[in-house]
Amino acid sequence: MTRDSKSENILARYASGERVFANLDLDDSVYDFSDSDLRGVVFTGSFLLASFRNANLEGADFSYSNVKTCDFSGAKLASVTFYCAAIDAALFDGADLAGANFEEASFFGIVLGKGELPSH
């Protein structure tokens, strides 16, 4: 997958120290953040259609975001927050979910409780 200019822009801003990318609308194409180091990034309230395959997202915050078709396969998601996020059809195959918070996240009509994880 070739990175588009919006993905490259966010990665460059992250590399220069910016961490908060709240309320983004990145759902008109598949954005590529695969293999990226985005530890502690904040995507709260965003609509995302993206590949985060094998990315390091430890401590990231996706609260109140729509990540319904994102691919988090193989990603490091330790201590990531998906509080009240829409995660329908998101892929978590082989992802490290240690300490991830999916409280009140919803997928396919199911709302997860404290300590519950989506099937992966």
PDB file of N, CA and C in Angstrom:
ATOM      1  N   MET A   1       0.846  -1.169   0.000  1.00  0.00           N
ATOM      2  CA  MET A   1       0.000   0.000   0.000  1.00  0.00           C
ATOM      3  C   MET A   1       0.896   1.238   0.000  1.00  0.00           C
ATOM      4  N   THR A   2       0.609   2.160  -0.878  1.00  0.00           N
ATOM      5  CA  THR A   2       1.355   3.405  -0.969  1.00  0.00           C
ATOM      6  C   THR A   2       0.711   4.451  -0.077  1.00  0.00           C
ATOM      7  N   ARG A   3       1.511   5.141   0.688  1.00  0.00           N
ATOM      8  CA  ARG A   3       0.981   6.177   1.587  1.00  0.00           C
ATOM      9  C   ARG A   3       0.527   7.386   0.788  1.00  0.00           C
ATOM     10  N   ASP A   4      -0.614   7.909   1.161  1.00  0.00           N
ATOM     11  CA  ASP A   4      -1.157   9.109   0.535  1.00  0.00           C
ATOM     12  C   ASP A   4      -0.624  10.344   1.270  1.00  0.00           C
ATOM     13  N   SER A   5      -0.912  11.512   0.736  1.00  0.00           N
ATOM     14  CA  SER A   5      -0.380  12.750   1.323  1.00  0.00           C
ATOM     15  C   SER A   5      -0.957  13.043   2.703  1.00  0.00           C
ATOM     16  N   LYS A   6      -2.227  12.696   2.968  1.00  0.00           N
ATOM     17  CA  LYS A   6      -2.805  12.946   4.292  1.00  0.00           C
ATOM     18  C   LYS A   6      -2.127  12.085   5.349  1.00  0.00           C
ATOM     19  N   SER A   7      -1.897  10.806   5.045  1.00  0.00           N
ATOM     20  CA  SER A   7      -1.189   9.924   5.987  1.00  0.00           C
ATOM     21  C   SER A   7       0.226  10.439   6.226  1.00  0.00           C
ATOM     22  N   GLU A   8       0.916  10.794   5.157  1.00  0.00           N
ATOM     23  CA  GLU A   8       2.284  11.311   5.280  1.00  0.00           C
ATOM     24  C   GLU A   8       2.310  12.589   6.120  1.00  0.00           C
ATOM     25  N   ASN A   9       1.317  13.461   5.939  1.00  0.00           N
ATOM     26  CA  ASN A   9       1.237  14.702   6.698  1.00  0.00           C
ATOM     27  C   ASN A   9       1.081  14.431   8.193  1.00  0.00           C
ATOM     28  N   ILE A  10       0.178  13.514   8.539  1.00  0.00           N
ATOM     29  CA  ILE A  10      -0.030  13.173   9.950  1.00  0.00           C
ATOM     30  C   ILE A  10       1.230  12.553  10.537  1.00  0.00           C
ATOM     31  N   LEU A  11       1.871  11.657   9.805  1.00  0.00           N
ATOM     32  CA  LEU A  11       3.100  11.029  10.287  1.00  0.00           C
ATOM     33  C   LEU A  11       4.212  12.065  10.483  1.00  0.00           C
ATOM     34  N   ALA A  12       4.309  13.033   9.584  1.00  0.00           N
ATOM     35  CA  ALA A  12       5.320  14.079   9.715  1.00  0.00           C
ATOM     36  C   ALA A  12       5.031  14.972  10.926  1.00  0.00           C
ATOM     37  N   ARG A  13       3.778  15.311  11.128  1.00  0.00           N
ATOM     38  CA  ARG A  13       3.404  16.128  12.289  1.00  0.00           C
ATOM     39  C   ARG A  13       3.677  15.368  13.589  1.00  0.00           C
ATOM     40  N   TYR A  14       3.379  14.061  13.590  1.00  0.00           N
ATOM     41  CA  TYR A  14       3.680  13.230  14.762  1.00  0.00           C
ATOM     42  C   TYR A  14       5.188  13.227  15.022  1.00  0.00           C
ATOM     43  N   ALA A  15       5.972  13.037  13.970  1.00  0.00           N
ATOM     44  CA  ALA A  15       7.430  12.989  14.105  1.00  0.00           C
ATOM     45  C   ALA A  15       7.989  14.300  14.669  1.00  0.00           C
ATOM     46  N   SER A  16       7.282  15.420  14.418  1.00  0.00           N
ATOM     47  CA  SER A  16       7.757  16.699  14.941  1.00  0.00           C
ATOM     48  C   SER A  16       7.188  17.012  16.326  1.00  0.00           C
ATOM     49  N   GLY A  17       6.486  16.032  16.936  1.00  0.00           N
ATOM     50  CA  GLY A  17       6.058  16.176  18.319  1.00  0.00           C
ATOM     51  C   GLY A  17       4.564  16.320  18.550  1.00  0.00           C
ATOM     52  N   GLU A  18       3.788  16.536  17.510  1.00  0.00           N
ATOM     53  CA  GLU A  18       2.337  16.657  17.686  1.00  0.00           C
ATOM     54  C   GLU A  18       1.746  15.290  18.007  1.00  0.00           C
ATOM     55  N   ARG A  19       0.805  15.229  18.930  1.00  0.00           N
ATOM     56  CA  ARG A  19       0.208  13.950  19.321  1.00  0.00           C
ATOM     57  C   ARG A  19      -1.310  13.931  19.206  1.00  0.00           C
ATOM     58  N   VAL A  20      -1.959  15.086  19.193  1.00  0.00           N
ATOM     59  CA  VAL A  20      -3.420  15.136  19.183  1.00  0.00           C
ATOM     60  C   VAL A  20      -3.942  15.423  17.778  1.00  0.00           C
ATOM     61  N   PHE A  21      -4.700  14.451  17.252  1.00  0.00           N
ATOM     62  CA  PHE A  21      -5.311  14.547  15.932  1.00  0.00           C
ATOM     63  C   PHE A  21      -6.795  14.221  16.084  1.00  0.00           C
ATOM     64  N   ALA A  22      -7.477  14.987  16.912  1.00  0.00           N
ATOM     65  CA  ALA A  22      -8.877  14.722  17.245  1.00  0.00           C
ATOM     66  C   ALA A  22      -9.816  15.201  16.136  1.00  0.00           C
ATOM     67  N   ASN A  23     -10.970  14.535  16.075  1.00  0.00           N
ATOM     68  CA  ASN A  23     -12.071  14.922  15.195  1.00  0.00           C
ATOM     69  C   ASN A  23     -11.699  14.957  13.715  1.00  0.00           C
ATOM     70  N   LEU A  24     -10.872  14.019  13.288  1.00  0.00           N
ATOM     71  CA  LEU A  24     -10.506  13.924  11.875  1.00  0.00           C
ATOM     72  C   LEU A  24     -11.567  13.159  11.096  1.00  0.00           C
ATOM     73  N   ASP A  25     -11.698  13.474   9.824  1.00  0.00           N
ATOM     74  CA  ASP A  25     -12.530  12.698   8.905  1.00  0.00           C
ATOM     75  C   ASP A  25     -11.610  12.098   7.864  1.00  0.00           C
ATOM     76  N   LEU A  26     -11.152  10.889   8.140  1.00  0.00           N
ATOM     77  CA  LEU A  26     -10.271  10.176   7.216  1.00  0.00           C
ATOM     78  C   LEU A  26     -10.966   8.884   6.805  1.00  0.00           C
ATOM     79  N   ASP A  27     -12.117   9.032   6.144  1.00  0.00           N
ATOM     80  CA  ASP A  27     -12.880   7.844   5.764  1.00  0.00           C
ATOM     81  C   ASP A  27     -13.265   7.844   4.291  1.00  0.00           C
ATOM     82  N   ASP A  28     -12.608   8.672   3.483  1.00  0.00           N
ATOM     83  CA  ASP A  28     -12.918   8.726   2.058  1.00  0.00           C
ATOM     84  C   ASP A  28     -11.983   7.853   1.226  1.00  0.00           C
ATOM     85  N   SER A  29     -11.022   7.224   1.886  1.00  0.00           N
ATOM     86  CA  SER A  29     -10.040   6.370   1.240  1.00  0.00           C
ATOM     87  C   SER A  29      -9.458   5.494   2.348  1.00  0.00           C
ATOM     88  N   VAL A  30      -8.634   4.525   2.014  1.00  0.00           N
ATOM     89  CA  VAL A  30      -7.950   3.742   3.044  1.00  0.00           C
ATOM     90  C   VAL A  30      -6.608   4.410   3.300  1.00  0.00           C
ATOM     91  N   TYR A  31      -6.463   4.952   4.505  1.00  0.00           N
ATOM     92  CA  TYR A  31      -5.232   5.643   4.877  1.00  0.00           C
ATOM     93  C   TYR A  31      -4.251   4.643   5.469  1.00  0.00           C
ATOM     94  N   ASP A  32      -2.981   4.829   5.175  1.00  0.00           N
ATOM     95  CA  ASP A  32      -1.971   3.838   5.538  1.00  0.00           C
ATOM     96  C   ASP A  32      -1.048   4.341   6.646  1.00  0.00           C
ATOM     97  N   PHE A  33      -1.220   3.731   7.828  1.00  0.00           N
ATOM     98  CA  PHE A  33      -0.339   3.995   8.960  1.00  0.00           C
ATOM     99  C   PHE A  33       0.352   2.705   9.384  1.00  0.00           C
ATOM    100  N   SER A  34       0.357   1.710   8.499  1.00  0.00           N
ATOM    101  CA  SER A  34       0.957   0.426   8.838  1.00  0.00           C
ATOM    102  C   SER A  34       2.457   0.587   9.109  1.00  0.00           C
ATOM    103  N   ASP A  35       2.944  -0.228  10.031  1.00  0.00           N
ATOM    104  CA  ASP A  35       4.361  -0.255  10.417  1.00  0.00           C
ATOM    105  C   ASP A  35       4.854   1.064  11.011  1.00  0.00           C
ATOM    106  N   SER A  36       3.943   1.944  11.419  1.00  0.00           N
ATOM    107  CA  SER A  36       4.331   3.246  11.984  1.00  0.00           C
ATOM    108  C   SER A  36       4.440   3.177  13.500  1.00  0.00           C
ATOM    109  N   ASP A  37       5.236   4.066  14.047  1.00  0.00           N
ATOM    110  CA  ASP A  37       5.329   4.229  15.490  1.00  0.00           C
ATOM    111  C   ASP A  37       4.493   5.446  15.860  1.00  0.00           C
ATOM    112  N   LEU A  38       3.307   5.196  16.427  1.00  0.00           N
ATOM    113  CA  LEU A  38       2.378   6.256  16.808  1.00  0.00           C
ATOM    114  C   LEU A  38       2.005   6.127  18.286  1.00  0.00           C
ATOM    115  N   ARG A  39       2.977   5.782  19.117  1.00  0.00           N
ATOM    116  CA  ARG A  39       2.713   5.632  20.541  1.00  0.00           C
ATOM    117  C   ARG A  39       2.144   6.924  21.124  1.00  0.00           C
ATOM    118  N   GLY A  40       1.034   6.777  21.864  1.00  0.00           N
ATOM    119  CA  GLY A  40       0.435   7.911  22.542  1.00  0.00           C
ATOM    120  C   GLY A  40      -0.361   8.854  21.665  1.00  0.00           C
ATOM    121  N   VAL A  41      -0.578   8.500  20.413  1.00  0.00           N
ATOM    122  CA  VAL A  41      -1.355   9.361  19.512  1.00  0.00           C
ATOM    123  C   VAL A  41      -2.809   9.437  19.985  1.00  0.00           C
ATOM    124  N   VAL A  42      -3.450  10.564  19.745  1.00  0.00           N
ATOM    125  CA  VAL A  42      -4.838  10.774  20.149  1.00  0.00           C
ATOM    126  C   VAL A  42      -5.678  11.034  18.899  1.00  0.00           C
ATOM    127  N   PHE A  43      -6.595  10.097  18.625  1.00  0.00           N
ATOM    128  CA  PHE A  43      -7.512  10.217  17.495  1.00  0.00           C
ATOM    129  C   PHE A  43      -8.956  10.320  17.988  1.00  0.00           C
ATOM    130  N   THR A  44      -9.193  10.881  19.160  1.00  0.00           N
ATOM    131  CA  THR A  44     -10.543  10.920  19.730  1.00  0.00           C
ATOM    132  C   THR A  44     -11.524  11.621  18.794  1.00  0.00           C
ATOM    133  N   GLY A  45     -12.739  11.062  18.737  1.00  0.00           N
ATOM    134  CA  GLY A  45     -13.809  11.657  17.954  1.00  0.00           C
ATOM    135  C   GLY A  45     -13.605  11.618  16.449  1.00  0.00           C
ATOM    136  N   SER A  46     -12.715  10.778  15.971  1.00  0.00           N
ATOM    137  CA  SER A  46     -12.400  10.735  14.541  1.00  0.00           C
ATOM    138  C   SER A  46     -13.142   9.621  13.808  1.00  0.00           C
ATOM    139  N   PHE A  47     -13.342   9.815  12.518  1.00  0.00           N
ATOM    140  CA  PHE A  47     -13.851   8.789  11.617  1.00  0.00           C
ATOM    141  C   PHE A  47     -12.660   8.327  10.796  1.00  0.00           C
ATOM    142  N   LEU A  48     -12.264   7.055  10.986  1.00  0.00           N
ATOM    143  CA  LEU A  48     -11.053   6.554  10.349  1.00  0.00           C
ATOM    144  C   LEU A  48     -11.321   5.303   9.523  1.00  0.00           C
ATOM    145  N   LEU A  49     -10.789   5.277   8.344  1.00  0.00           N
ATOM    146  CA  LEU A  49     -10.724   4.084   7.509  1.00  0.00           C
ATOM    147  C   LEU A  49      -9.242   3.940   7.201  1.00  0.00           C
ATOM    148  N   ALA A  50      -8.571   3.061   7.942  1.00  0.00           N
ATOM    149  CA  ALA A  50      -7.113   3.038   7.862  1.00  0.00           C
ATOM    150  C   ALA A  50      -6.541   1.664   8.155  1.00  0.00           C
ATOM    151  N   SER A  51      -5.327   1.478   7.674  1.00  0.00           N
ATOM    152  CA  SER A  51      -4.540   0.305   8.032  1.00  0.00           C
ATOM    153  C   SER A  51      -3.513   0.720   9.074  1.00  0.00           C
ATOM    154  N   PHE A  52      -3.593   0.062  10.227  1.00  0.00           N
ATOM    155  CA  PHE A  52      -2.623   0.236  11.301  1.00  0.00           C
ATOM    156  C   PHE A  52      -1.869  -1.082  11.497  1.00  0.00           C
ATOM    157  N   ARG A  53      -1.795  -1.896  10.441  1.00  0.00           N
ATOM    158  CA  ARG A  53      -1.139  -3.200  10.533  1.00  0.00           C
ATOM    159  C   ARG A  53       0.285  -3.034  11.058  1.00  0.00           C
ATOM    160  N   ASN A  54       0.597  -3.827  12.084  1.00  0.00           N
ATOM    161  CA  ASN A  54       1.943  -3.874  12.675  1.00  0.00           C
ATOM    162  C   ASN A  54       2.432  -2.525  13.197  1.00  0.00           C
ATOM    163  N   ALA A  55       1.530  -1.590  13.436  1.00  0.00           N
ATOM    164  CA  ALA A  55       1.912  -0.289  13.991  1.00  0.00           C
ATOM    165  C   ALA A  55       2.072  -0.390  15.504  1.00  0.00           C
ATOM    166  N   ASN A  56       2.874   0.486  16.060  1.00  0.00           N
ATOM    167  CA  ASN A  56       3.003   0.578  17.506  1.00  0.00           C
ATOM    168  C   ASN A  56       2.105   1.730  17.957  1.00  0.00           C
ATOM    169  N   LEU A  57       0.978   1.382  18.568  1.00  0.00           N
ATOM    170  CA  LEU A  57      -0.006   2.361  19.023  1.00  0.00           C
ATOM    171  C   LEU A  57      -0.141   2.345  20.544  1.00  0.00           C
ATOM    172  N   GLU A  58       0.855   1.840  21.243  1.00  0.00           N
ATOM    173  CA  GLU A  58       0.776   1.723  22.701  1.00  0.00           C
ATOM    174  C   GLU A  58       0.365   3.053  23.313  1.00  0.00           C
ATOM    175  N   GLY A  59      -0.663   3.011  24.173  1.00  0.00           N
ATOM    176  CA  GLY A  59      -1.125   4.201  24.867  1.00  0.00           C
ATOM    177  C   GLY A  59      -1.950   5.160  24.026  1.00  0.00           C
ATOM    178  N   ALA A  60      -2.296   4.788  22.813  1.00  0.00           N
ATOM    179  CA  ALA A  60      -3.097   5.662  21.935  1.00  0.00           C
ATOM    180  C   ALA A  60      -4.532   5.773  22.441  1.00  0.00           C
ATOM    181  N   ASP A  61      -5.239   6.794  21.981  1.00  0.00           N
ATOM    182  CA  ASP A  61      -6.618   7.024  22.399  1.00  0.00           C
ATOM    183  C   ASP A  61      -7.518   7.170  21.178  1.00  0.00           C
ATOM    184  N   PHE A  62      -8.427   6.206  21.026  1.00  0.00           N
ATOM    185  CA  PHE A  62      -9.419   6.215  19.958  1.00  0.00           C
ATOM    186  C   PHE A  62     -10.824   6.400  20.536  1.00  0.00           C
ATOM    187  N   SER A  63     -10.940   6.993  21.718  1.00  0.00           N
ATOM    188  CA  SER A  63     -12.244   7.182  22.355  1.00  0.00           C
ATOM    189  C   SER A  63     -13.193   7.949  21.432  1.00  0.00           C
ATOM    190  N   TYR A  64     -14.437   7.498  21.426  1.00  0.00           N
ATOM    191  CA  TYR A  64     -15.513   8.135  20.653  1.00  0.00           C
ATOM    192  C   TYR A  64     -15.219   8.176  19.154  1.00  0.00           C
ATOM    193  N   SER A  65     -14.334   7.319  18.678  1.00  0.00           N
ATOM    194  CA  SER A  65     -13.999   7.290  17.256  1.00  0.00           C
ATOM    195  C   SER A  65     -14.750   6.184  16.540  1.00  0.00           C
ATOM    196  N   ASN A  66     -14.864   6.342  15.240  1.00  0.00           N
ATOM    197  CA  ASN A  66     -15.418   5.309  14.381  1.00  0.00           C
ATOM    198  C   ASN A  66     -14.233   4.686  13.648  1.00  0.00           C
ATOM    199  N   VAL A  67     -13.890   3.460  14.048  1.00  0.00           N
ATOM    200  CA  VAL A  67     -12.791   2.721  13.417  1.00  0.00           C
ATOM    201  C   VAL A  67     -13.330   1.412  12.840  1.00  0.00           C
ATOM    202  N   LYS A  68     -14.574   1.460  12.374  1.00  0.00           N
ATOM    203  CA  LYS A  68     -15.322   0.255  12.009  1.00  0.00           C
ATOM    204  C   LYS A  68     -14.617  -0.693  11.056  1.00  0.00           C
ATOM    205  N   THR A  69     -13.864  -0.222  10.131  1.00  0.00           N
ATOM    206  CA  THR A  69     -13.235  -1.131   9.177  1.00  0.00           C
ATOM    207  C   THR A  69     -11.711  -1.004   9.175  1.00  0.00           C
ATOM    208  N   CYS A  70     -11.159  -0.485  10.252  1.00  0.00           N
ATOM    209  CA  CYS A  70      -9.698  -0.358  10.346  1.00  0.00           C
ATOM    210  C   CYS A  70      -9.052  -1.722  10.559  1.00  0.00           C
ATOM    211  N   ASP A  71      -7.831  -1.840  10.106  1.00  0.00           N
ATOM    212  CA  ASP A  71      -7.058  -3.068  10.263  1.00  0.00           C
ATOM    213  C   ASP A  71      -5.947  -2.828  11.281  1.00  0.00           C
ATOM    214  N   PHE A  72      -6.107  -3.442  12.459  1.00  0.00           N
ATOM    215  CA  PHE A  72      -5.114  -3.346  13.530  1.00  0.00           C
ATOM    216  C   PHE A  72      -4.337  -4.657  13.663  1.00  0.00           C
ATOM    217  N   SER A  73      -4.349  -5.490  12.644  1.00  0.00           N
ATOM    218  CA  SER A  73      -3.683  -6.792  12.704  1.00  0.00           C
ATOM    219  C   SER A  73      -2.201  -6.630  13.039  1.00  0.00           C
ATOM    220  N   GLY A  74      -1.757  -7.393  14.032  1.00  0.00           N
ATOM    221  CA  GLY A  74      -0.355  -7.384  14.420  1.00  0.00           C
ATOM    222  C   GLY A  74       0.100  -6.122  15.130  1.00  0.00           C
ATOM    223  N   ALA A  75      -0.813  -5.196  15.393  1.00  0.00           N
ATOM    224  CA  ALA A  75      -0.437  -3.925  16.020  1.00  0.00           C
ATOM    225  C   ALA A  75      -0.196  -4.096  17.517  1.00  0.00           C
ATOM    226  N   LYS A  76       0.634  -3.227  18.052  1.00  0.00           N
ATOM    227  CA  LYS A  76       0.862  -3.167  19.490  1.00  0.00           C
ATOM    228  C   LYS A  76      -0.181  -2.200  20.050  1.00  0.00           C
ATOM    229  N   LEU A  77      -1.183  -2.750  20.721  1.00  0.00           N
ATOM    230  CA  LEU A  77      -2.290  -1.959  21.238  1.00  0.00           C
ATOM    231  C   LEU A  77      -2.335  -1.981  22.763  1.00  0.00           C
ATOM    232  N   ALA A  78      -1.209  -2.246  23.393  1.00  0.00           N
ATOM    233  CA  ALA A  78      -1.162  -2.275  24.853  1.00  0.00           C
ATOM    234  C   ALA A  78      -1.578  -0.915  25.411  1.00  0.00           C
ATOM    235  N   SER A  79      -2.525  -0.950  26.340  1.00  0.00           N
ATOM    236  CA  SER A  79      -3.030   0.247  27.020  1.00  0.00           C
ATOM    237  C   SER A  79      -3.688   1.256  26.088  1.00  0.00           C
ATOM    238  N   VAL A  80      -4.171   0.804  24.945  1.00  0.00           N
ATOM    239  CA  VAL A  80      -4.909   1.678  24.028  1.00  0.00           C
ATOM    240  C   VAL A  80      -6.344   1.809  24.518  1.00  0.00           C
ATOM    241  N   THR A  81      -6.924   2.980  24.338  1.00  0.00           N
ATOM    242  CA  THR A  81      -8.300   3.230  24.749  1.00  0.00           C
ATOM    243  C   THR A  81      -9.211   3.330  23.532  1.00  0.00           C
ATOM    244  N   PHE A  82     -10.246   2.472  23.527  1.00  0.00           N
ATOM    245  CA  PHE A  82     -11.302   2.500  22.514  1.00  0.00           C
ATOM    246  C   PHE A  82     -12.640   2.795  23.201  1.00  0.00           C
ATOM    247  N   TYR A  83     -12.624   3.611  24.245  1.00  0.00           N
ATOM    248  CA  TYR A  83     -13.825   3.908  25.019  1.00  0.00           C
ATOM    249  C   TYR A  83     -14.900   4.516  24.107  1.00  0.00           C
ATOM    250  N   CYS A  84     -16.086   3.905  24.119  1.00  0.00           N
ATOM    251  CA  CYS A  84     -17.241   4.367  23.326  1.00  0.00           C
ATOM    252  C   CYS A  84     -16.954   4.426  21.824  1.00  0.00           C
ATOM    253  N   ALA A  85     -16.006   3.644  21.344  1.00  0.00           N
ATOM    254  CA  ALA A  85     -15.679   3.637  19.919  1.00  0.00           C
ATOM    255  C   ALA A  85     -16.562   2.643  19.175  1.00  0.00           C
ATOM    256  N   ALA A  86     -16.798   2.901  17.903  1.00  0.00           N
ATOM    257  CA  ALA A  86     -17.487   1.966  17.017  1.00  0.00           C
ATOM    258  C   ALA A  86     -16.412   1.135  16.329  1.00  0.00           C
ATOM    259  N   ILE A  87     -16.404  -0.182  16.601  1.00  0.00           N
ATOM    260  CA  ILE A  87     -15.326  -1.039  16.096  1.00  0.00           C
ATOM    261  C   ILE A  87     -15.836  -2.150  15.180  1.00  0.00           C
ATOM    262  N   ASP A  88     -17.071  -2.021  14.673  1.00  0.00           N
ATOM    263  CA  ASP A  88     -17.629  -3.040  13.783  1.00  0.00           C
ATOM    264  C   ASP A  88     -16.651  -3.348  12.649  1.00  0.00           C
ATOM    265  N   ALA A  89     -16.404  -4.609  12.402  1.00  0.00           N
ATOM    266  CA  ALA A  89     -15.573  -5.106  11.300  1.00  0.00           C
ATOM    267  C   ALA A  89     -14.106  -4.692  11.374  1.00  0.00           C
ATOM    268  N   ALA A  90     -13.667  -4.073  12.461  1.00  0.00           N
ATOM    269  CA  ALA A  90     -12.239  -3.790  12.631  1.00  0.00           C
ATOM    270  C   ALA A  90     -11.521  -5.120  12.852  1.00  0.00           C
ATOM    271  N   LEU A  91     -10.320  -5.217  12.346  1.00  0.00           N
ATOM    272  CA  LEU A  91      -9.541  -6.443  12.478  1.00  0.00           C
ATOM    273  C   LEU A  91      -8.487  -6.272  13.568  1.00  0.00           C
ATOM    274  N   PHE A  92      -8.408  -7.262  14.455  1.00  0.00           N
ATOM    275  CA  PHE A  92      -7.449  -7.249  15.556  1.00  0.00           C
ATOM    276  C   PHE A  92      -6.616  -8.530  15.568  1.00  0.00           C
ATOM    277  N   ASP A  93      -6.525  -9.234  14.450  1.00  0.00           N
ATOM    278  CA  ASP A  93      -5.808 -10.504  14.368  1.00  0.00           C
ATOM    279  C   ASP A  93      -4.345 -10.340  14.787  1.00  0.00           C
ATOM    280  N   GLY A  94      -3.942 -11.080  15.802  1.00  0.00           N
ATOM    281  CA  GLY A  94      -2.554 -11.065  16.252  1.00  0.00           C
ATOM    282  C   GLY A  94      -2.118  -9.783  16.942  1.00  0.00           C
ATOM    283  N   ALA A  95      -3.059  -8.911  17.255  1.00  0.00           N
ATOM    284  CA  ALA A  95      -2.711  -7.654  17.929  1.00  0.00           C
ATOM    285  C   ALA A  95      -2.464  -7.899  19.413  1.00  0.00           C
ATOM    286  N   ASP A  96      -1.572  -7.123  19.994  1.00  0.00           N
ATOM    287  CA  ASP A  96      -1.315  -7.159  21.433  1.00  0.00           C
ATOM    288  C   ASP A  96      -2.342  -6.251  22.090  1.00  0.00           C
ATOM    289  N   LEU A  97      -3.323  -6.841  22.779  1.00  0.00           N
ATOM    290  CA  LEU A  97      -4.403  -6.096  23.414  1.00  0.00           C
ATOM    291  C   LEU A  97      -4.235  -5.995  24.937  1.00  0.00           C
ATOM    292  N   ALA A  98      -3.034  -6.249  25.434  1.00  0.00           N
ATOM    293  CA  ALA A  98      -2.800  -6.223  26.877  1.00  0.00           C
ATOM    294  C   ALA A  98      -3.145  -4.851  27.454  1.00  0.00           C
ATOM    295  N   GLY A  99      -4.092  -4.843  28.364  1.00  0.00           N
ATOM    296  CA  GLY A  99      -4.469  -3.601  29.025  1.00  0.00           C
ATOM    297  C   GLY A  99      -5.290  -2.651  28.180  1.00  0.00           C
ATOM    298  N   ALA A 100      -5.724  -3.086  26.986  1.00  0.00           N
ATOM    299  CA  ALA A 100      -6.543  -2.211  26.128  1.00  0.00           C
ATOM    300  C   ALA A 100      -7.929  -2.022  26.751  1.00  0.00           C
ATOM    301  N   ASN A 101      -8.477  -0.848  26.609  1.00  0.00           N
ATOM    302  CA  ASN A 101      -9.775  -0.511  27.174  1.00  0.00           C
ATOM    303  C   ASN A 101     -10.812  -0.381  26.051  1.00  0.00           C
ATOM    304  N   PHE A 102     -11.753  -1.332  26.029  1.00  0.00           N
ATOM    305  CA  PHE A 102     -12.842  -1.320  25.058  1.00  0.00           C
ATOM    306  C   PHE A 102     -14.181  -1.042  25.741  1.00  0.00           C
ATOM    307  N   GLU A 103     -14.153  -0.461  26.933  1.00  0.00           N
ATOM    308  CA  GLU A 103     -15.385  -0.219  27.683  1.00  0.00           C
ATOM    309  C   GLU A 103     -16.345   0.663  26.881  1.00  0.00           C
ATOM    310  N   GLU A 104     -17.567   0.190  26.782  1.00  0.00           N
ATOM    311  CA  GLU A 104     -18.662   0.827  26.059  1.00  0.00           C
ATOM    312  C   GLU A 104     -18.425   0.951  24.561  1.00  0.00           C
ATOM    313  N   ALA A 105     -17.392   0.279  24.035  1.00  0.00           N
ATOM    314  CA  ALA A 105     -17.210   0.215  22.582  1.00  0.00           C
ATOM    315  C   ALA A 105     -18.282  -0.704  22.020  1.00  0.00           C
ATOM    316  N   SER A 106     -18.683  -0.452  20.795  1.00  0.00           N
ATOM    317  CA  SER A 106     -19.745  -1.265  20.213  1.00  0.00           C
ATOM    318  C   SER A 106     -19.288  -1.902  18.909  1.00  0.00           C
ATOM    319  N   PHE A 107     -19.747  -3.153  18.725  1.00  0.00           N
ATOM    320  CA  PHE A 107     -19.536  -3.811  17.449  1.00  0.00           C
ATOM    321  C   PHE A 107     -20.691  -4.761  17.204  1.00  0.00           C
ATOM    322  N   PHE A 108     -21.285  -4.606  16.038  1.00  0.00           N
ATOM    323  CA  PHE A 108     -22.401  -5.444  15.598  1.00  0.00           C
ATOM    324  C   PHE A 108     -23.504  -5.536  16.652  1.00  0.00           C
ATOM    325  N   GLY A 109     -23.847  -4.390  17.266  1.00  0.00           N
ATOM    326  CA  GLY A 109     -24.942  -4.337  18.225  1.00  0.00           C
ATOM    327  C   GLY A 109     -24.589  -4.744  19.635  1.00  0.00           C
ATOM    328  N   ILE A 110     -23.350  -5.105  19.873  1.00  0.00           N
ATOM    329  CA  ILE A 110     -22.900  -5.507  21.208  1.00  0.00           C
ATOM    330  C   ILE A 110     -22.105  -4.353  21.810  1.00  0.00           C
ATOM    331  N   VAL A 111     -22.398  -4.023  23.051  1.00  0.00           N
ATOM    332  CA  VAL A 111     -21.634  -2.993  23.774  1.00  0.00           C
ATOM    333  C   VAL A 111     -20.785  -3.712  24.807  1.00  0.00           C
ATOM    334  N   LEU A 112     -19.489  -3.522  24.728  1.00  0.00           N
ATOM    335  CA  LEU A 112     -18.565  -4.204  25.625  1.00  0.00           C
ATOM    336  C   LEU A 112     -18.539  -3.562  26.999  1.00  0.00           C
ATOM    337  N   GLY A 113     -18.377  -4.387  28.019  1.00  0.00           N
ATOM    338  CA  GLY A 113     -18.272  -3.916  29.388  1.00  0.00           C
ATOM    339  C   GLY A 113     -16.824  -3.780  29.793  1.00  0.00           C
ATOM    340  N   LYS A 114     -16.613  -3.306  30.998  1.00  0.00           N
ATOM    341  CA  LYS A 114     -15.274  -3.118  31.528  1.00  0.00           C
ATOM    342  C   LYS A 114     -14.521  -4.447  31.515  1.00  0.00           C
ATOM    343  N   GLY A 115     -13.316  -4.438  30.954  1.00  0.00           N
ATOM    344  CA  GLY A 115     -12.474  -5.628  30.900  1.00  0.00           C
ATOM    345  C   GLY A 115     -12.758  -6.563  29.744  1.00  0.00           C
ATOM    346  N   GLU A 116     -13.835  -6.349  28.984  1.00  0.00           N
ATOM    347  CA  GLU A 116     -14.133  -7.202  27.834  1.00  0.00           C
ATOM    348  C   GLU A 116     -13.335  -6.760  26.613  1.00  0.00           C
ATOM    349  N   LEU A 117     -12.989  -7.732  25.788  1.00  0.00           N
ATOM    350  CA  LEU A 117     -12.265  -7.467  24.540  1.00  0.00           C
ATOM    351  C   LEU A 117     -13.097  -7.958  23.372  1.00  0.00           C
ATOM    352  N   PRO A 118     -12.930  -7.349  22.201  1.00  0.00           N
ATOM    353  CA  PRO A 118     -13.637  -7.857  21.021  1.00  0.00           C
ATOM    354  C   PRO A 118     -13.046  -9.199  20.613  1.00  0.00           C
ATOM    355  N   SER A 119     -13.833  -9.979  19.902  1.00  0.00           N
ATOM    356  CA  SER A 119     -13.298 -11.251  19.414  1.00  0.00           C
ATOM    357  C   SER A 119     -12.264 -10.926  18.325  1.00  0.00           C
ATOM    358  N   HIS A 120     -11.202 -11.693  18.328  1.00  0.00           N
ATOM    359  CA  HIS A 120     -10.156 -11.496  17.313  1.00  0.00           C
ATOM    360  C   HIS A 120      -9.452 -12.795  17.038  1.00  0.00           C
TER     361      HIS A 120
END
